[in-house]
C-alpha atoms as a PDB file:
ATOM      1  CA  MET A   1      89.815 186.032 154.183  1.00  0.00           C
ATOM      2  CA  GLY A   2      86.466 186.182 156.847  1.00  0.00           C
ATOM      3  CA  ALA A   3      89.260 187.926 159.057  1.00  0.00           C
ATOM      4  CA  LYS A   4      91.559 190.693 159.478  1.00  0.00           C
ATOM      5  CA  LEU A   5      94.548 188.584 159.235  1.00  0.00           C
ATOM      6  CA  PHE A   6      97.164 191.771 158.562  1.00  0.00           C
ATOM      7  CA  ASP A   7      97.102 194.755 160.469  1.00  0.00           C
ATOM      8  CA  ASN A   8      97.949 197.299 157.182  1.00  0.00           C
ATOM      9  CA  PRO A   9      97.362 195.113 153.737  1.00  0.00           C
ATOM     10  CA  LYS A  10      97.879 197.187 150.484  1.00  0.00           C
ATOM     11  CA  ASP A  11      94.610 198.151 148.334  1.00  0.00           C
ATOM     12  CA  HIS A  12      94.504 195.629 145.396  1.00  0.00           C
ATOM     13  CA  GLU A  13      92.468 197.705 143.723  1.00  0.00           C
ATOM     14  CA  GLU A  14      95.039 200.604 143.512  1.00  0.00           C
ATOM     15  CA  ILE A  15      97.790 198.509 142.909  1.00  0.00           C
ATOM     16  CA  CYS A  16      95.480 197.418 140.126  1.00  0.00           C
ATOM     17  CA  ARG A  17      95.166 201.265 139.303  1.00  0.00           C
ATOM     18  CA  MET A  18      99.020 201.619 139.096  1.00  0.00           C
ATOM     19  CA  LEU A  19      99.536 198.560 136.792  1.00  0.00           C
ATOM     20  CA  LYS A  20      97.220 199.804 134.299  1.00  0.00           C
ATOM     21  CA  TYR A  21      99.718 203.042 133.828  1.00  0.00           C
ATOM     22  CA  VAL A  22     102.959 200.922 133.584  1.00  0.00           C
ATOM     23  CA  LEU A  23     101.839 197.701 131.843  1.00  0.00           C
ATOM     24  CA  ALA A  24     100.804 197.708 128.184  1.00  0.00           C
ATOM     25  CA  ALA A  25      97.493 196.517 127.680  1.00  0.00           C
ATOM     26  CA  SER A  26      98.556 194.124 124.452  1.00  0.00           C
ATOM     27  CA  THR A  27     101.727 192.709 126.430  1.00  0.00           C
ATOM     28  CA  ASN A  28     102.199 190.029 129.169  1.00  0.00           C
ATOM     29  CA  GLU A  29     104.508 190.943 130.913  1.00  0.00           C
ATOM     30  CA  ILE A  30     106.061 189.557 134.747  1.00  0.00           C
ATOM     31  CA  CYS A  31     104.870 191.431 138.007  1.00  0.00           C
ATOM     32  CA  LEU A  32     107.047 191.012 140.847  1.00  0.00           C
ATOM     33  CA  ASP A  33     106.742 191.459 144.564  1.00  0.00           C
ATOM     34  CA  PHE A  34     109.771 190.823 146.827  1.00  0.00           C
ATOM     35  CA  PHE A  35     107.609 191.490 150.127  1.00  0.00           C
ATOM     36  CA  ALA A  36     104.497 189.657 149.330  1.00  0.00           C
ATOM     37  CA  GLY A  37     102.411 190.013 152.531  1.00  0.00           C
ATOM     38  CA  SER A  38      99.276 189.177 152.234  1.00  0.00           C
ATOM     39  CA  GLY A  39      99.176 188.752 148.625  1.00  0.00           C
ATOM     40  CA  THR A  40      97.964 191.775 147.311  1.00  0.00           C
ATOM     41  CA  MET A  41      99.682 191.872 144.213  1.00  0.00           C
ATOM     42  CA  ALA A  42      98.699 188.519 143.261  1.00  0.00           C
ATOM     43  CA  GLU A  43      95.371 189.708 143.267  1.00  0.00           C
ATOM     44  CA  ALA A  44      95.689 193.141 141.427  1.00  0.00           C
ATOM     45  CA  VAL A  45      97.456 191.153 138.572  1.00  0.00           C
ATOM     46  CA  LEU A  46      94.448 188.494 138.422  1.00  0.00           C
ATOM     47  CA  GLN A  47      91.610 191.325 138.775  1.00  0.00           C
ATOM     48  CA  LEU A  48      93.809 193.255 135.826  1.00  0.00           C
ATOM     49  CA  ASN A  49      94.145 190.208 133.355  1.00  0.00           C
ATOM     50  CA  LYS A  50      89.999 189.577 134.102  1.00  0.00           C
ATOM     51  CA  GLU A  51      89.476 192.579 133.154  1.00  0.00           C
ATOM     52  CA  ARG A  52      91.884 193.449 129.753  1.00  0.00           C
ATOM     53  CA  ASN A  53      91.907 189.632 128.802  1.00  0.00           C
ATOM     54  CA  VAL A  54      95.621 189.521 129.441  1.00  0.00           C
ATOM     55  CA  ASN A  55      98.065 187.231 130.621  1.00  0.00           C
ATOM     56  CA  HIS A  56     100.793 188.885 132.987  1.00  0.00           C
ATOM     57  CA  LYS A  57     102.083 186.996 135.424  1.00  0.00           C
ATOM     58  CA  PHE A  58     103.470 187.545 139.122  1.00  0.00           C
ATOM     59  CA  VAL A  59     105.949 186.348 141.009  1.00  0.00           C
ATOM     60  CA  LEU A  60     105.575 186.846 145.263  1.00  0.00           C
ATOM     61  CA  VAL A  61     108.309 186.225 147.982  1.00  0.00           C
ATOM     62  CA  GLN A  62     107.622 186.049 151.280  1.00  0.00           C
ATOM     63  CA  LEU A  63     109.737 184.753 154.147  1.00  0.00           C
ATOM     64  CA  PRO A  64     107.585 181.821 156.376  1.00  0.00           C
ATOM     65  CA  GLU A  65     107.649 184.557 159.323  1.00  0.00           C
ATOM     66  CA  PRO A  66     105.189 182.842 162.130  1.00  0.00           C
ATOM     67  CA  CYS A  67     102.118 184.883 163.007  1.00  0.00           C
ATOM     68  CA  ASN A  68     102.369 186.687 166.165  1.00  0.00           C
ATOM     69  CA  PRO A  69      99.690 185.455 168.936  1.00  0.00           C
ATOM     70  CA  LYS A  70     100.377 188.462 170.906  1.00  0.00           C
ATOM     71  CA  GLU A  71      98.759 190.643 168.551  1.00  0.00           C
ATOM     72  CA  LYS A  72      95.101 190.643 167.340  1.00  0.00           C
ATOM     73  CA  SER A  73      95.872 189.930 163.538  1.00  0.00           C
ATOM     74  CA  GLY A  74      98.153 186.917 164.332  1.00  0.00           C
ATOM     75  CA  LYS A  75      95.569 185.597 166.545  1.00  0.00           C
ATOM     76  CA  ALA A  76      93.217 185.386 164.223  1.00  0.00           C
ATOM     77  CA  ALA A  77      95.524 183.692 161.339  1.00  0.00           C
ATOM     78  CA  LEU A  78      96.514 181.094 163.579  1.00  0.00           C
ATOM     79  CA  ASN A  79      92.161 180.710 164.557  1.00  0.00           C
ATOM     80  CA  THR A  80      91.878 179.454 161.096  1.00  0.00           C
ATOM     81  CA  GLY A  81      94.911 177.570 160.925  1.00  0.00           C
ATOM     82  CA  LEU A  82      97.469 179.965 159.215  1.00  0.00           C
ATOM     83  CA  ARG A  83     100.978 179.805 161.065  1.00  0.00           C
ATOM     84  CA  THR A  84     102.523 182.064 158.880  1.00  0.00           C
ATOM     85  CA  ILE A  85     102.529 184.900 156.184  1.00  0.00           C
ATOM     86  CA  ALA A  86     103.732 182.744 153.686  1.00  0.00           C
ATOM     87  CA  GLU A  87     100.318 181.016 154.405  1.00  0.00           C
ATOM     88  CA  ILE A  88      98.318 183.597 154.647  1.00  0.00           C
ATOM     89  CA  THR A  89     100.252 184.713 151.088  1.00  0.00           C
ATOM     90  CA  LYS A  90      99.129 181.498 149.505  1.00  0.00           C
ATOM     91  CA  GLU A  91      95.566 181.229 150.983  1.00  0.00           C
ATOM     92  CA  ARG A  92      94.448 184.470 149.843  1.00  0.00           C
ATOM     93  CA  VAL A  93      95.883 183.320 146.035  1.00  0.00           C
ATOM     94  CA  ARG A  94      93.829 180.578 146.045  1.00  0.00           C
ATOM     95  CA  ARG A  95      90.505 182.246 147.249  1.00  0.00           C
ATOM     96  CA  VAL A  96      91.039 185.184 144.649  1.00  0.00           C
ATOM     97  CA  ILE A  97      91.150 182.479 142.107  1.00  0.00           C
ATOM     98  CA  ASN A  98      88.131 180.756 143.559  1.00  0.00           C
ATOM     99  CA  LYS A  99      86.376 183.674 143.584  1.00  0.00           C
ATOM    100  CA  ILE A 100      86.545 184.633 140.030  1.00  0.00           C
ATOM    101  CA  ASN A 101      86.043 181.620 138.599  1.00  0.00           C
ATOM    102  CA  ASP A 102      83.235 181.368 140.308  1.00  0.00           C
ATOM    103  CA  GLU A 103      82.145 184.764 139.011  1.00  0.00           C
ATOM    104  CA  GLU A 104      82.800 183.928 135.476  1.00  0.00           C
ATOM    105  CA  ALA A 105      81.025 180.360 135.907  1.00  0.00           C
ATOM    106  CA  GLY A 106      77.955 179.962 133.763  1.00  0.00           C
ATOM    107  CA  LYS A 107      78.871 182.574 131.611  1.00  0.00           C
ATOM    108  CA  LEU A 108      78.954 182.607 127.845  1.00  0.00           C
ATOM    109  CA  ASP A 109      81.509 182.898 125.938  1.00  0.00           C
ATOM    110  CA  LEU A 110      80.424 185.547 123.276  1.00  0.00           C
ATOM    111  CA  ASP A 111      83.650 187.453 122.562  1.00  0.00           C
ATOM    112  CA  GLY A 112      85.693 183.835 121.846  1.00  0.00           C
ATOM    113  CA  THR A 113      88.448 184.737 124.409  1.00  0.00           C
ATOM    114  CA  ALA A 114      90.200 181.705 125.575  1.00  0.00           C
ATOM    115  CA  LYS A 115      89.862 180.216 129.316  1.00  0.00           C
ATOM    116  CA  GLN A 116      92.855 182.134 131.097  1.00  0.00           C
ATOM    117  CA  ASP A 117      95.242 179.891 132.945  1.00  0.00           C
ATOM    118  CA  ARG A 118      95.052 181.118 136.878  1.00  0.00           C
ATOM    119  CA  GLY A 119      97.110 178.235 138.166  1.00  0.00           C
ATOM    120  CA  PHE A 120      99.876 178.871 140.335  1.00  0.00           C
ATOM    121  CA  ARG A 121     103.139 177.009 141.775  1.00  0.00           C
ATOM    122  CA  VAL A 122     104.592 177.812 145.250  1.00  0.00           C
ATOM    123  CA  PHE A 123     108.049 176.755 145.840  1.00  0.00           C
ATOM    124  CA  LYS A 124     110.718 176.686 148.881  1.00  0.00           C
ATOM    125  CA  LEU A 125     114.369 176.961 148.811  1.00  0.00           C
ATOM    126  CA  SER A 126     115.980 174.535 150.202  1.00  0.00           C
ATOM    127  CA  GLU A 127     119.632 172.519 150.200  1.00  0.00           C
ATOM    128  CA  SER A 128     119.710 170.390 146.592  1.00  0.00           C
ATOM    129  CA  ASN A 129     118.194 167.015 146.978  1.00  0.00           C
ATOM    130  CA  PHE A 130     121.410 165.536 145.782  1.00  0.00           C
ATOM    131  CA  LYS A 131     124.345 165.091 148.350  1.00  0.00           C
ATOM    132  CA  PRO A 132     127.514 167.370 147.356  1.00  0.00           C
ATOM    133  CA  TRP A 133     130.815 165.171 147.011  1.00  0.00           C
ATOM    134  CA  ASN A 134     132.829 166.547 149.793  1.00  0.00           C
ATOM    135  CA  ALA A 135     135.995 167.500 147.950  1.00  0.00           C
ATOM    136  CA  ASN A 136     137.575 168.664 151.447  1.00  0.00           C
ATOM    137  CA  VAL A 137     137.880 165.335 153.354  1.00  0.00           C
ATOM    138  CA  PRO A 138     141.100 163.647 153.460  1.00  0.00           C
ATOM    139  CA  HIS A 139     142.388 161.884 150.685  1.00  0.00           C
ATOM    140  CA  ASP A 140     143.648 158.540 152.186  1.00  0.00           C
ATOM    141  CA  SER A 141     141.558 155.141 150.496  1.00  0.00           C
ATOM    142  CA  GLN A 142     139.737 154.625 153.987  1.00  0.00           C
ATOM    143  CA  THR A 143     138.381 158.129 154.090  1.00  0.00           C
ATOM    144  CA  LEU A 144     137.665 158.096 150.036  1.00  0.00           C
ATOM    145  CA  GLU A 145     136.315 154.476 149.978  1.00  0.00           C
ATOM    146  CA  HIS A 146     133.598 156.212 153.024  1.00  0.00           C
ATOM    147  CA  GLN A 147     133.039 159.229 151.007  1.00  0.00           C
ATOM    148  CA  LEU A 148     132.180 156.541 148.154  1.00  0.00           C
ATOM    149  CA  GLU A 149     129.983 154.371 149.685  1.00  0.00           C
ATOM    150  CA  LEU A 150     127.600 157.495 150.829  1.00  0.00           C
ATOM    151  CA  HIS A 151     126.935 158.071 147.304  1.00  0.00           C
ATOM    152  CA  ILE A 152     125.660 155.055 146.369  1.00  0.00           C
ATOM    153  CA  ASP A 153     122.408 156.145 147.362  1.00  0.00           C
ATOM    154  CA  HIS A 154     123.101 160.445 147.130  1.00  0.00           C
ATOM    155  CA  ILE A 155     119.826 161.575 146.906  1.00  0.00           C
ATOM    156  CA  ARG A 156     118.854 162.866 150.410  1.00  0.00           C
ATOM    157  CA  PRO A 157     116.196 160.945 152.129  1.00  0.00           C
ATOM    158  CA  ASP A 158     112.439 162.012 152.034  1.00  0.00           C
ATOM    159  CA  ARG A 159     112.538 163.965 148.934  1.00  0.00           C
ATOM    160  CA  THR A 160     109.756 163.929 146.911  1.00  0.00           C
ATOM    161  CA  ALA A 161     109.384 162.915 142.558  1.00  0.00           C
ATOM    162  CA  ASP A 162     108.529 166.802 142.532  1.00  0.00           C
ATOM    163  CA  ASP A 163     111.386 167.897 144.079  1.00  0.00           C
ATOM    164  CA  LEU A 164     113.502 165.909 142.052  1.00  0.00           C
ATOM    165  CA  LEU A 165     111.834 167.318 139.070  1.00  0.00           C
ATOM    166  CA  TYR A 166     112.077 170.656 139.535  1.00  0.00           C
ATOM    167  CA  GLU A 167     115.880 171.201 140.840  1.00  0.00           C
ATOM    168  CA  VAL A 168     116.546 169.049 137.454  1.00  0.00           C
ATOM    169  CA  LEU A 169     114.540 171.401 135.454  1.00  0.00           C
ATOM    170  CA  LEU A 170     116.536 173.877 136.685  1.00  0.00           C
ATOM    171  CA  LYS A 171     119.739 172.653 136.333  1.00  0.00           C
ATOM    172  CA  SER A 172     118.522 171.493 132.670  1.00  0.00           C
ATOM    173  CA  GLY A 173     118.819 175.380 131.754  1.00  0.00           C
ATOM    174  CA  PHE A 174     114.329 175.581 132.103  1.00  0.00           C
ATOM    175  CA  PRO A 175     112.405 178.101 134.178  1.00  0.00           C
ATOM    176  CA  LEU A 176     110.257 177.219 136.641  1.00  0.00           C
ATOM    177  CA  THR A 177     106.998 178.552 134.552  1.00  0.00           C
ATOM    178  CA  THR A 178     107.583 175.880 132.047  1.00  0.00           C
ATOM    179  CA  PRO A 179     104.870 173.697 131.264  1.00  0.00           C
ATOM    180  CA  VAL A 180     105.388 169.892 132.096  1.00  0.00           C
ATOM    181  CA  GLU A 181     103.531 166.945 131.418  1.00  0.00           C
ATOM    182  CA  LYS A 182     103.706 163.720 133.033  1.00  0.00           C
ATOM    183  CA  VAL A 183     103.624 161.094 130.132  1.00  0.00           C
ATOM    184  CA  THR A 184     103.575 156.750 130.562  1.00  0.00           C
ATOM    185  CA  PHE A 185     106.027 155.077 128.438  1.00  0.00           C
ATOM    186  CA  ALA A 186     106.279 150.892 129.154  1.00  0.00           C
ATOM    187  CA  ASP A 187     104.335 151.156 132.235  1.00  0.00           C
ATOM    188  CA  LYS A 188     106.588 153.577 133.748  1.00  0.00           C
ATOM    189  CA  THR A 189     106.433 157.476 134.250  1.00  0.00           C
ATOM    190  CA  ALA A 190     107.978 159.981 132.898  1.00  0.00           C
ATOM    191  CA  PHE A 191     108.070 163.845 132.385  1.00  0.00           C
ATOM    192  CA  SER A 192     107.867 165.581 128.849  1.00  0.00           C
ATOM    193  CA  VAL A 193     109.119 169.295 129.273  1.00  0.00           C
ATOM    194  CA  ALA A 194     108.414 172.207 126.932  1.00  0.00           C
ATOM    195  CA  SER A 195     106.360 169.801 124.551  1.00  0.00           C
ATOM    196  CA  GLY A 196     108.614 167.042 124.471  1.00  0.00           C
ATOM    197  CA  ALA A 197     111.826 169.193 124.381  1.00  0.00           C
ATOM    198  CA  LEU A 198     113.294 167.372 127.399  1.00  0.00           C
ATOM    199  CA  PHE A 199     112.442 164.044 129.177  1.00  0.00           C
ATOM    200  CA  ILE A 200     113.111 163.920 132.573  1.00  0.00           C
ATOM    201  CA  CYS A 201     112.759 160.172 134.490  1.00  0.00           C
ATOM    202  CA  LEU A 202     112.584 159.403 138.095  1.00  0.00           C
ATOM    203  CA  GLU A 203     112.051 155.690 137.842  1.00  0.00           C
ATOM    204  CA  ARG A 204     114.439 153.896 140.780  1.00  0.00           C
ATOM    205  CA  THR A 205     114.075 150.910 137.957  1.00  0.00           C
ATOM    206  CA  LEU A 206     114.993 151.593 134.457  1.00  0.00           C
ATOM    207  CA  THR A 207     114.312 148.941 131.903  1.00  0.00           C
ATOM    208  CA  LEU A 208     115.050 148.468 128.191  1.00  0.00           C
ATOM    209  CA  GLU A 209     111.263 148.720 126.959  1.00  0.00           C
ATOM    210  CA  LEU A 210     111.029 151.724 128.828  1.00  0.00           C
ATOM    211  CA  ILE A 211     114.408 153.297 127.121  1.00  0.00           C
ATOM    212  CA  ARG A 212     113.039 152.153 123.920  1.00  0.00           C
ATOM    213  CA  ALA A 213     110.025 154.109 124.475  1.00  0.00           C
ATOM    214  CA  MET A 214     111.227 157.394 125.570  1.00  0.00           C
ATOM    215  CA  ALA A 215     113.950 157.207 122.240  1.00  0.00           C
ATOM    216  CA  GLU A 216     110.912 156.282 119.885  1.00  0.00           C
ATOM    217  CA  ALA A 217     109.208 159.474 120.928  1.00  0.00           C
ATOM    218  CA  GLN A 218     112.318 161.595 119.820  1.00  0.00           C
ATOM    219  CA  PRO A 219     113.136 164.393 122.803  1.00  0.00           C
ATOM    220  CA  GLU A 220     115.998 166.317 122.295  1.00  0.00           C
ATOM    221  CA  ARG A 221     117.541 165.756 125.708  1.00  0.00           C
ATOM    222  CA  VAL A 222     116.656 162.979 127.969  1.00  0.00           C
ATOM    223  CA  VAL A 223     118.032 162.744 132.296  1.00  0.00           C
ATOM    224  CA  CYS A 224     117.784 159.848 133.868  1.00  0.00           C
ATOM    225  CA  LEU A 225     118.097 158.726 137.414  1.00  0.00           C
ATOM    226  CA  ASP A 226     121.826 156.894 137.634  1.00  0.00           C
ATOM    227  CA  GLU A 227     119.919 154.934 140.403  1.00  0.00           C
ATOM    228  CA  GLY A 228     117.385 153.860 137.811  1.00  0.00           C
ATOM    229  CA  PHE A 229     120.387 151.559 136.163  1.00  0.00           C
ATOM    230  CA  ALA A 230     121.111 149.725 139.758  1.00  0.00           C
ATOM    231  CA  GLY A 231     124.759 149.311 138.440  1.00  0.00           C
ATOM    232  CA  ASN A 232     124.002 147.677 134.979  1.00  0.00           C
ATOM    233  CA  ASP A 233     126.184 148.867 132.679  1.00  0.00           C
ATOM    234  CA  GLN A 234     124.935 146.814 130.085  1.00  0.00           C
ATOM    235  CA  LEU A 235     121.771 148.429 129.926  1.00  0.00           C
ATOM    236  CA  LYS A 236     123.188 152.042 130.404  1.00  0.00           C
ATOM    237  CA  ALA A 237     125.673 151.283 127.895  1.00  0.00           C
ATOM    238  CA  ASN A 238     122.718 150.343 125.643  1.00  0.00           C
ATOM    239  CA  ALA A 239     120.629 153.438 126.522  1.00  0.00           C
ATOM    240  CA  VAL A 240     123.330 155.772 125.073  1.00  0.00           C
ATOM    241  CA  GLN A 241     123.440 154.111 121.866  1.00  0.00           C
ATOM    242  CA  ILE A 242     119.457 153.616 121.449  1.00  0.00           C
ATOM    243  CA  PHE A 243     119.469 157.376 122.470  1.00  0.00           C
ATOM    244  CA  LYS A 244     122.115 158.587 119.989  1.00  0.00           C
ATOM    245  CA  THR A 245     120.270 156.308 117.276  1.00  0.00           C
ATOM    246  CA  LYS A 246     116.958 158.112 117.527  1.00  0.00           C
ATOM    247  CA  GLY A 247     118.733 161.590 117.703  1.00  0.00           C
ATOM    248  CA  VAL A 248     118.683 162.690 121.203  1.00  0.00           C
ATOM    249  CA  THR A 249     121.623 165.252 121.475  1.00  0.00           C
ATOM    250  CA  SER A 250     121.949 164.649 125.044  1.00  0.00           C
ATOM    251  CA  PHE A 251     121.754 161.747 127.570  1.00  0.00           C
ATOM    252  CA  LYS A 252     122.766 162.287 131.236  1.00  0.00           C
ATOM    253  CA  THR A 253     122.094 161.160 134.693  1.00  0.00           C
ATOM    254  CA  VAL A 254     122.108 162.420 137.908  1.00  0.00           C
END
């Protein structure tokens, strides 16, 4: 990392040696570290994957604990622009991956092994991207009318497409590690989940051409934003019938 950012970092070589004892050489396991710290577990798993040509995965959990400017290590981290322990974790994992990739750059693939996937995703725990319906309000007509008005646009402001995508992914029963591919239909964007098992379309304006194009791809399930229909009940009714005709087992809006 170019500086001592942690007072007592774990030795990644020792962690790697421990993993060799507990992980079978021919299987792909998940290594979970609830107290990730500087990300030693990730480096150990990446190093083991390189040595054995396997594909073990790691899940790191770390609170965004602020670096203490009164401590030498915390001051060093802040001087490099890293404000929390979680930011140190992410930066170390990036540098480890770049280091391993640089070591392998230019080497001939003499044993014919497939190139390892060393990408990783970062998620932050947050409240839902969709405003919940408040069932505890008084049930008079004026209050209910106000409640309905609040849900005309029930997506929280400043939420990105990725925020919505991964919440819908989880609510649809898929893990966060599921392969997701961005695809284009009728000049609009959708996301193909698990090789087309599920299409998630987060377009704020849906068209009949888009609906037909997605249906032609024959996914198992489709999820769209309800906002995309903009109150066009005829378009939504047509979408239901088009997807049903093409064998889509489930079509939902959120």
